[in-house]
């Protein structure tokens, strides 16, 4: 049998290797083999230049008296460690400036790093893990829960015993409703514009028919003044038909531009927002998983009970930390993409809708003004026409004469027939 010295009774200086008896007991305590869960590690070191606050930008977890490993919990944004990119969450810290930190507490290691000025060398064991290893069924269910709670009100979530994360109240997701409203507006505008274009095309066809009819009358009219008047009036309608076609050509690019915005820009932004939501829910799931594992460690520590995963290097926890960091990086990138696209869409919606409406109103106004001028220039009425000399009169007279000749021939035939019958009666038997 051997006596066990609790770690709570050890002083900090005991971890610097000055007491060989205690070191021997501590090494015995840590001789449980590390459970790496199939992951591999590689050793290395990195030199980091400190910022103005004498920090490198990492938080440290693990260490004595519970865990044999000291590891990086989080790498903060816009810090020397994040800009360097060598150290990541879950990596083990094995030394500071070449001195081993095994067996020390995380507070002692943090003080050792702070004691070094300007540049510090961090010795580490890089954790190599696949993200799929950390995406367990528990994480997937948490992700599903966040997706459901996203659409709930706080009152409903509290009534069901579900907690809402801060990120659930996301203004970017709520802008989807605004985007749907804009899409409905553009869709209605396009439909209305198509109907107007169709109607204007029919009007232009009518103008063309009118022009052809009056031009034909002008060609056949024998009186010079009337012929010129009819021809001029027909040319005016043909000119209005050309203005109508010009209007259609002006408005058509507007429809094309609105269609691009409606059928490409908005769906692409929606797809990005959906990817962003998926990354956000995954990040929240890993955050919740980390919190649950932290609570588990605290509860075991309060009961002074050993926790297997902590005593064997806490690799499961470090894997979740790595997955959380990767999920956070994807979430931050997609959030940035969504912000940029939403800003561009807002600018296009505000600027482009005004431009397109002004262009449409201007084209319609110009069309009506030109048509009005055409009709003013074609004010040829009343037109004096001598019906006795007109083509219509001649045609009617010829038809009348032909009818009279036919009637005379029929009368002669009837008379001859009657005479023949009479003669036959006289000659009879």
Foldseek 3Di string as FASTA:
>chain_A
DDDADDPVPDDQVVQVPPDVVVVVNQCVLLPPAFDQVPWAWDKDKDKFFFDPVLDQAWAWDFAPDFFQFIFTLQGDPPGRCVVVVPHGFLKTFQDKQPHGPGRHHSVVVVVVSSVDHGMIMTIIIGIDDDLVVLCDPLLVVQLVLQVVCLPPDPVVCVVVVHDHDPCSPPPLVVCLVVLVVLLVVLVVVLVVVVVVLVVLLVQLVVLQVQLVVLQVQLVQWPDPLSSVLSNLSSVLSNVLSVLSVVLSVLLVVLSVVSCCCNVPLSVVLVVLVVQLSSLVSSLVSLVVVLVVVVVVVVVCVVVVHHDVCRSSRVNSSSSSSRSNNVSVVSNVVSVVVSVVSVVVSVVCSVPVVVVSVVSSVVSVVVSVVSSVVSVVVSPSPPDDGDCCPTPVNVVVVVVVVVVVVVVVVVVVVVVVVVVVVVVPVVVDD
